[in-house]
């Protein structure tokens, strides 16, 4: 469940007119812009951008870029992008040299998008950066030295993991035994682990991990660090990230937010990436997991670690609704489309060239 608080009625022409008025105010009425764009779905935002260009003869993207600055500018421009193009930009930023944080952020994106979404992302990536995502990952200077790191990232980037809830119990049991052989050193082929994690559906992997626990008395994640104490290699750490994303998605993102809002200072890049990309999908569950993890609400943590209209924008996106008592800590087969949370219609990347942080000028969906 997402956390966008949508108005009961909204009008495309009024939204464009109100945005125009907000930009005309000396210094820009940022709160008004946030109140409009922060409470519209992805499809509605695309419509607004297209209508604004038609009516006023200027790019809404350029107007936002000239009116906002700093962290608020980055967050707003990412918010106004088509989700596939936004993911392409985030993946590009993650491949910049910066230690394991970038590598793990890459996995956090690649492991939580299905094959159809990855197809759109890779199309957008090539259009925007004139290079395939796979080639960029393969050639970038990542922090995980072992060759298995690139193999893991590339395997998820190929998007060969099926969807659906069907489970083959025989395959699940066999995979559990194969994973145990790798972890126990009886079979040193890490390619087997990569193949299983990247080509099995989340439902199939859940069955595999359940069988693993039943037969060997502990979780697969524990086996990754067995006899290594705290000295697990970067490849093992990357596997933990992948497994966490596949098994307990909301909990994984909650842990990212908890770290980003920790005592060592605010990691705004992570904060923006997670909130912007998840608030229309599963932020309700992430908020509950965050409260379980941090013993404080996400609203409170953001309020204490950010300021100004940047804080106002983030709080607008995560909403203020009751979380209820249910949190899907394990994978559940959600049928709603990632790229159109209010609709099952996905959007295709534009054929034209796109600039960095440039939202598309087309969209689907209608206003209430």
Protein backbone atom coordinates (compact mmCIF):
# COMPACT_ATOMS: atom_id res chain seq x y z
CA UNK A 1 0.00 0.00 0.00
CA UNK A 2 1.21 3.46 -0.92
CA UNK A 3 0.95 6.57 1.23
CA UNK A 4 -0.08 9.30 -1.20
CA UNK A 5 -2.93 11.38 0.19
CA UNK A 6 -4.98 12.16 -2.93
CA UNK A 7 -7.62 14.93 -3.03
CA UNK A 8 -11.22 13.85 -3.51
CA UNK A 9 -11.45 15.97 -6.63
CA UNK A 10 -8.76 17.54 -8.79
CA UNK A 11 -8.82 19.40 -12.07
CA UNK A 12 -6.05 19.45 -14.64
CA UNK A 13 -6.62 23.04 -15.70
CA UNK A 14 -6.81 24.26 -12.10
CA UNK A 15 -3.62 22.39 -11.21
CA UNK A 16 -1.74 24.05 -14.06
CA UNK A 17 -3.16 27.47 -13.20
CA UNK A 18 -2.28 27.09 -9.51
CA UNK A 19 1.24 25.95 -10.35
CA UNK A 20 1.71 28.94 -12.65
CA UNK A 21 0.57 31.27 -9.87
CA UNK A 22 2.91 29.61 -7.37
CA UNK A 23 5.88 30.10 -9.68
CA UNK A 24 5.01 33.78 -10.24
CA UNK A 25 5.28 34.56 -6.53
CA UNK A 26 8.56 36.17 -5.57
CA UNK A 27 10.83 33.32 -4.50
CA UNK A 28 8.23 30.69 -5.56
CA UNK A 29 5.49 29.39 -3.32
CA UNK A 30 7.15 26.02 -2.69
CA UNK A 31 4.48 24.84 -0.27
CA UNK A 32 1.78 25.30 -2.90
CA UNK A 33 3.76 23.37 -5.51
CA UNK A 34 4.37 20.56 -3.01
CA UNK A 35 0.69 20.47 -2.06
CA UNK A 36 -0.27 19.96 -5.71
CA UNK A 37 2.44 17.68 -7.12
CA UNK A 38 2.97 15.77 -3.88
CA UNK A 39 -0.68 14.65 -3.93
CA UNK A 40 -0.98 13.40 -7.50
CA UNK A 41 -0.35 9.94 -8.96
CA UNK A 42 2.39 9.26 -11.47
CA UNK A 43 -0.08 9.30 -14.37
CA UNK A 44 -1.59 12.59 -13.18
CA UNK A 45 1.85 14.19 -12.85
CA UNK A 46 2.67 13.23 -16.42
CA UNK A 47 -0.59 14.82 -17.57
CA UNK A 48 0.15 17.98 -15.63
CA UNK A 49 3.62 18.27 -17.20
CA UNK A 50 2.20 17.81 -20.69
CA UNK A 51 -0.67 20.29 -20.16
CA UNK A 52 1.62 22.89 -18.57
CA UNK A 53 3.91 22.75 -21.61
CA UNK A 54 0.93 23.12 -23.97
CA UNK A 55 -0.78 25.98 -22.13
CA UNK A 56 2.22 28.07 -21.08
CA UNK A 57 4.82 27.11 -23.67
CA UNK A 58 7.48 26.18 -21.13
CA UNK A 59 8.75 22.96 -19.60
CA UNK A 60 7.47 22.26 -16.10
CA UNK A 61 10.72 20.43 -15.47
CA UNK A 62 12.77 23.52 -16.30
CA UNK A 63 10.51 25.71 -14.21
CA UNK A 64 10.89 23.41 -11.21
CA UNK A 65 14.65 23.26 -11.69
CA UNK A 66 14.94 27.05 -11.73
CA UNK A 67 12.55 27.53 -8.78
CA UNK A 68 13.89 24.89 -6.37
CA UNK A 69 17.39 24.16 -5.14
CA UNK A 70 19.41 21.65 -3.16
CA UNK A 71 17.88 18.48 -1.78
CA UNK A 72 14.32 19.64 -2.45
CA UNK A 73 15.19 20.21 -6.11
CA UNK A 74 16.62 16.72 -6.49
CA UNK A 75 13.67 15.09 -4.74
CA UNK A 76 11.08 17.02 -6.76
CA UNK A 77 12.75 16.41 -10.13
CA UNK A 78 13.01 12.68 -9.43
CA UNK A 79 9.37 12.69 -8.32
CA UNK A 80 8.28 14.24 -11.61
CA UNK A 81 10.06 11.66 -13.74
CA UNK A 82 8.48 8.62 -15.31
CA UNK A 83 9.25 5.71 -12.94
CA UNK A 84 11.26 3.73 -15.49
CA UNK A 85 13.42 6.75 -16.32
CA UNK A 86 13.75 7.59 -12.63
CA UNK A 87 15.02 4.08 -11.92
CA UNK A 88 17.47 4.43 -14.80
CA UNK A 89 18.85 7.63 -13.25
CA UNK A 90 19.08 6.04 -9.81
CA UNK A 91 20.90 3.02 -11.23
CA UNK A 92 23.31 5.31 -13.06
CA UNK A 93 24.06 7.17 -9.83
CA UNK A 94 24.58 3.88 -7.99
CA UNK A 95 27.33 2.82 -10.41
CA UNK A 96 29.46 5.81 -9.50
CA UNK A 97 32.46 4.90 -7.29
CA UNK A 98 31.36 5.05 -3.68
CA UNK A 99 31.85 1.79 -1.87
CA UNK A 100 29.42 -0.97 -1.04
CA UNK A 101 26.56 1.50 -0.46
CA UNK A 102 26.20 1.96 -4.21
CA UNK A 103 26.48 -1.75 -4.89
CA UNK A 104 23.79 -2.59 -2.35
CA UNK A 105 21.54 0.21 -3.64
CA UNK A 106 21.89 -1.31 -7.11
CA UNK A 107 20.71 -4.65 -5.78
CA UNK A 108 17.89 -2.95 -3.90
CA UNK A 109 16.54 -1.64 -7.20
CA UNK A 110 17.25 -4.65 -9.42
CA UNK A 111 15.87 -7.23 -6.97
CA UNK A 112 12.59 -5.39 -6.39
CA UNK A 113 11.59 -4.82 -10.02
CA UNK A 114 9.97 -7.53 -12.12
CA UNK A 115 11.00 -8.50 -15.65
CA UNK A 116 8.53 -6.15 -17.36
CA UNK A 117 9.71 -3.22 -15.25
CA UNK A 118 13.38 -4.03 -15.89
CA UNK A 119 12.66 -4.11 -19.62
CA UNK A 120 11.32 -0.54 -19.46
CA UNK A 121 14.18 0.58 -17.23
CA UNK A 122 16.79 -0.80 -19.62
CA UNK A 123 15.11 0.91 -22.57
CA UNK A 124 15.12 4.21 -20.69
CA UNK A 125 18.73 3.68 -19.56
CA UNK A 126 19.97 3.22 -23.11
CA UNK A 127 18.00 6.26 -24.34
CA UNK A 128 19.30 8.51 -21.57
CA UNK A 129 22.93 7.37 -21.29
CA UNK A 130 23.65 5.82 -24.71
CA UNK A 131 24.87 2.60 -23.09
CA UNK A 132 23.16 -0.58 -22.03
CA UNK A 133 22.69 -1.12 -18.31
CA UNK A 134 24.46 -4.48 -18.50
CA UNK A 135 27.52 -2.99 -20.20
CA UNK A 136 27.71 -0.19 -17.65
CA UNK A 137 27.50 -2.59 -14.71
CA UNK A 138 30.05 -4.91 -16.27
CA UNK A 139 32.52 -2.09 -16.89
CA UNK A 140 32.07 0.00 -13.75
CA UNK A 141 34.59 0.02 -10.91
CA UNK A 142 32.49 -1.58 -8.20
CA UNK A 143 33.65 -2.07 -4.66
CA UNK A 144 33.03 -5.80 -4.45
CA UNK A 145 36.25 -7.16 -5.82
CA UNK A 146 35.21 -10.73 -6.56
CA UNK A 147 34.05 -11.60 -10.06
CA UNK A 148 30.88 -13.01 -8.51
CA UNK A 149 29.71 -9.48 -7.65
CA UNK A 150 29.33 -8.48 -11.28
CA UNK A 151 27.77 -11.83 -12.09
CA UNK A 152 25.18 -11.28 -9.36
CA UNK A 153 24.30 -7.76 -10.52
CA UNK A 154 24.19 -8.76 -14.18
CA UNK A 155 22.02 -11.78 -13.45
CA UNK A 156 19.36 -9.58 -11.80
CA UNK A 157 19.71 -6.88 -14.48
CA UNK A 158 18.82 -9.41 -17.19
CA UNK A 159 15.35 -9.70 -15.71
CA UNK A 160 14.94 -13.46 -16.11
CA UNK A 161 13.03 -13.98 -12.85
CA UNK A 162 9.44 -15.12 -13.52
CA UNK A 163 6.41 -13.77 -11.67
CA UNK A 164 3.39 -15.51 -10.25
CA UNK A 165 2.50 -17.66 -7.26
CA UNK A 166 2.98 -21.12 -8.75
CA UNK A 167 5.50 -23.23 -6.86
CA UNK A 168 7.23 -26.44 -7.94
CA UNK A 169 7.95 -28.26 -4.68
CA UNK A 170 10.45 -30.64 -6.27
CA UNK A 171 12.52 -27.76 -7.66
CA UNK A 172 12.27 -25.90 -4.35
CA UNK A 173 13.61 -28.90 -2.40
CA UNK A 174 16.40 -29.51 -4.92
CA UNK A 175 17.39 -25.82 -4.83
CA UNK A 176 17.50 -25.93 -1.03
CA UNK A 177 19.93 -28.85 -1.17
CA UNK A 178 22.04 -27.11 -3.81
CA UNK A 179 22.28 -23.95 -1.71
CA UNK A 180 23.32 -26.00 1.33
CA UNK A 181 26.09 -27.69 -0.63
CA UNK A 182 27.46 -24.32 -1.71
CA UNK A 183 27.26 -22.83 1.80
CA UNK A 184 28.80 -25.90 3.45
CA UNK A 185 31.72 -25.94 1.04
CA UNK A 186 30.80 -29.28 -0.49
CA UNK A 187 30.26 -27.54 -3.80
CA UNK A 188 32.18 -24.30 -4.35
CA UNK A 189 30.23 -23.07 -7.34
CA UNK A 190 28.76 -19.68 -6.38
CA UNK A 191 27.22 -19.51 -9.86
CA UNK A 192 24.64 -21.97 -8.57
CA UNK A 193 23.52 -19.53 -5.88
CA UNK A 194 23.36 -16.67 -8.37
CA UNK A 195 21.34 -18.75 -10.84
CA UNK A 196 18.80 -19.81 -8.22
CA UNK A 197 18.29 -16.32 -6.78
CA UNK A 198 17.98 -14.61 -10.15
CA UNK A 199 15.82 -17.09 -12.08
CA UNK A 200 13.24 -18.19 -9.50
CA UNK A 201 10.08 -16.29 -8.65
CA UNK A 202 9.71 -14.82 -5.19
CA UNK A 203 7.08 -17.45 -4.37
CA UNK A 204 9.40 -20.22 -5.55
CA UNK A 205 12.29 -18.81 -3.49
CA UNK A 206 10.08 -18.59 -0.41
CA UNK A 207 9.37 -22.32 -0.74
CA UNK A 208 13.09 -23.00 -1.21
CA UNK A 209 14.06 -21.03 1.89
CA UNK A 210 11.32 -22.76 3.90
CA UNK A 211 12.62 -26.17 2.83
CA UNK A 212 16.15 -25.06 3.68
CA UNK A 213 15.11 -24.18 7.22
CA UNK A 214 13.13 -27.40 7.64
CA UNK A 215 15.99 -29.65 6.53
CA UNK A 216 18.99 -27.83 8.01
CA UNK A 217 17.58 -26.16 11.10
CA UNK A 218 18.51 -22.56 10.29
CA UNK A 219 17.80 -19.87 7.71
CA UNK A 220 19.78 -19.62 4.50
CA UNK A 221 20.97 -16.15 5.52
CA UNK A 222 22.58 -17.61 8.63
CA UNK A 223 24.40 -20.16 6.49
CA UNK A 224 25.99 -17.36 4.49
CA UNK A 225 27.86 -16.16 7.54
CA UNK A 226 28.32 -19.48 9.27
CA UNK A 227 31.90 -19.93 10.53
CA UNK A 228 32.79 -16.49 9.17
CA UNK A 229 31.72 -14.59 12.29
CA UNK A 230 31.78 -10.90 11.32
CA UNK A 231 34.29 -11.32 8.53
CA UNK A 232 31.93 -12.23 5.72
CA UNK A 233 33.16 -11.18 2.30
CA UNK A 234 31.51 -8.55 0.14
CA UNK A 235 29.94 -11.20 -2.07
CA UNK A 236 28.23 -12.79 0.94
CA UNK A 237 27.02 -9.35 2.06
CA UNK A 238 25.62 -8.75 -1.41
CA UNK A 239 23.80 -12.07 -1.20
CA UNK A 240 22.27 -11.00 2.13
CA UNK A 241 20.96 -7.85 0.48
CA UNK A 242 19.49 -9.82 -2.42
CA UNK A 243 17.81 -12.35 -0.14
CA UNK A 244 16.42 -9.60 2.12
CA UNK A 245 14.97 -7.77 -0.88
CA UNK A 246 13.38 -10.95 -2.22
CA UNK A 247 12.02 -12.22 1.11
CA UNK A 248 11.19 -9.16 3.22
CA UNK A 249 11.04 -6.19 0.91
CA UNK A 250 9.36 -3.74 3.27
CA UNK A 251 11.72 -4.67 6.09
CA UNK A 252 14.76 -4.19 3.84
CA UNK A 253 13.72 -0.67 2.84
CA UNK A 254 12.84 0.16 6.45
CA UNK A 255 16.38 -0.83 7.46
CA UNK A 256 17.78 1.39 4.71
CA UNK A 257 15.74 4.31 6.03
CA UNK A 258 16.76 3.56 9.60
CA UNK A 259 20.42 3.69 8.62
CA UNK A 260 19.89 6.82 6.52
CA UNK A 261 18.30 8.56 9.51
CA UNK A 262 20.79 7.21 12.04
CA UNK A 263 23.16 8.82 14.50
CA UNK A 264 25.98 9.16 11.96
CA UNK A 265 24.06 11.83 10.08
CA UNK A 266 21.36 11.93 7.46
CA UNK A 267 22.00 10.11 4.19
CA UNK A 268 19.75 12.22 1.98
CA UNK A 269 20.51 10.29 -1.21
CA UNK A 270 19.16 7.07 0.32
CA UNK A 271 16.28 8.88 2.00
CA UNK A 272 15.17 10.46 -1.28
CA UNK A 273 15.67 7.27 -3.32
CA UNK A 274 13.60 5.06 -1.02
CA UNK A 275 10.75 7.49 -0.35
CA UNK A 276 10.38 8.70 -3.94
CA UNK A 277 10.43 5.17 -5.39
CA UNK A 278 8.29 3.40 -2.77
CA UNK A 279 5.65 5.89 -1.60
CA UNK A 280 3.21 4.85 -4.33
CA UNK A 281 3.79 1.14 -3.76
CA UNK A 282 4.39 -0.17 -0.25
CA UNK A 283 5.35 2.73 2.01
CA UNK A 284 2.58 1.87 4.49
CA UNK A 285 4.31 -1.45 5.19
CA UNK A 286 7.74 0.16 5.23
CA UNK A 287 6.56 2.66 7.84
CA UNK A 288 5.34 -0.14 10.09
CA UNK A 289 8.60 -2.05 9.70
CA UNK A 290 10.52 1.16 10.41
CA UNK A 291 8.59 1.62 13.66
CA UNK A 292 9.35 -2.00 14.62
CA UNK A 293 13.03 -1.55 13.77
CA UNK A 294 13.68 1.93 15.18
CA UNK A 295 11.07 2.20 17.97
CA UNK A 296 9.97 5.54 16.52
CA UNK A 297 7.78 6.61 13.63
CA UNK A 298 9.22 7.45 10.23
CA UNK A 299 7.37 10.78 10.38
CA UNK A 300 9.15 11.63 13.63
CA UNK A 301 12.56 10.59 12.30
CA UNK A 302 12.19 12.66 9.14
CA UNK A 303 10.91 15.61 11.16
CA UNK A 304 14.00 15.56 13.36
CA UNK A 305 16.59 14.99 10.62
CA UNK A 306 15.36 17.29 7.84
CA UNK A 307 14.09 20.84 7.64
CA UNK A 308 12.13 23.37 5.63
CA UNK A 309 10.09 22.49 2.58
CA UNK A 310 12.35 19.51 1.92
CA UNK A 311 10.96 18.02 5.13
CA UNK A 312 7.46 19.14 4.16
CA UNK A 313 7.73 17.36 0.80
CA UNK A 314 8.97 14.07 2.27
CA UNK A 315 6.26 14.10 4.95
CA UNK A 316 3.65 14.80 2.29
CA UNK A 317 4.78 11.75 0.31
CA UNK A 318 4.76 9.33 3.24
CA UNK A 319 1.31 10.47 4.40
CA UNK A 320 -0.16 10.39 7.89
CA UNK A 321 -2.53 7.44 7.66
CA UNK A 322 -2.98 4.65 10.20
CA UNK A 323 -0.69 1.72 9.45
CA UNK A 324 -3.00 -0.91 10.87
CA UNK A 325 -1.69 -4.11 12.40
CA UNK A 326 -0.66 -6.06 9.32
CA UNK A 327 2.79 -6.04 7.75
CA UNK A 328 3.74 -8.47 4.95
CA UNK A 329 7.20 -9.37 6.26
CA UNK A 330 7.38 -12.15 3.69
CA UNK A 331 6.70 -11.82 0.00
CA UNK A 332 3.09 -11.54 -1.06
CA UNK A 333 1.94 -11.65 -4.67
CA UNK A 334 0.80 -8.08 -5.30
CA UNK A 335 -0.98 -7.64 -8.62
CA UNK A 336 -0.96 -3.84 -8.85
CA UNK A 337 1.39 -2.36 -11.42
CA UNK A 338 4.52 -0.69 -10.09
CA UNK A 339 4.55 1.90 -12.83
CA UNK A 340 0.92 2.84 -12.43
CA UNK A 341 -0.16 2.30 -8.81
CA UNK A 342 -3.69 3.51 -9.53
CA UNK A 343 -4.01 1.59 -12.78
CA UNK A 344 -2.87 -1.65 -14.36
CA UNK A 345 -1.73 0.14 -17.52
CA UNK A 346 2.03 0.45 -17.87
CA UNK A 347 3.73 3.23 -19.77
CA UNK A 348 6.34 2.80 -22.47
CA UNK A 349 9.55 4.82 -22.47
CA UNK A 350 9.66 7.69 -24.93
CA UNK A 351 11.50 7.14 -28.19
CA UNK A 352 13.14 10.55 -28.12
CA UNK A 353 16.23 11.50 -26.24
CA UNK A 354 15.76 12.33 -22.59
CA UNK A 355 17.87 14.67 -20.54
CA UNK A 356 19.13 13.88 -17.07
CA UNK A 357 16.24 14.27 -14.60
CA UNK A 358 13.89 15.02 -17.49
CA UNK A 359 10.31 13.78 -17.05
CA UNK A 360 8.45 12.55 -20.08
CA UNK A 361 5.90 14.79 -21.69
CA UNK A 362 3.37 12.00 -22.13
CA UNK A 363 1.30 9.99 -19.71
CA UNK A 364 -1.85 7.94 -19.26
CA UNK A 365 -4.66 8.15 -16.78
CA UNK A 366 -7.17 10.81 -15.96
CA UNK A 367 -8.07 13.15 -13.13
CA UNK A 368 -11.05 12.52 -10.94
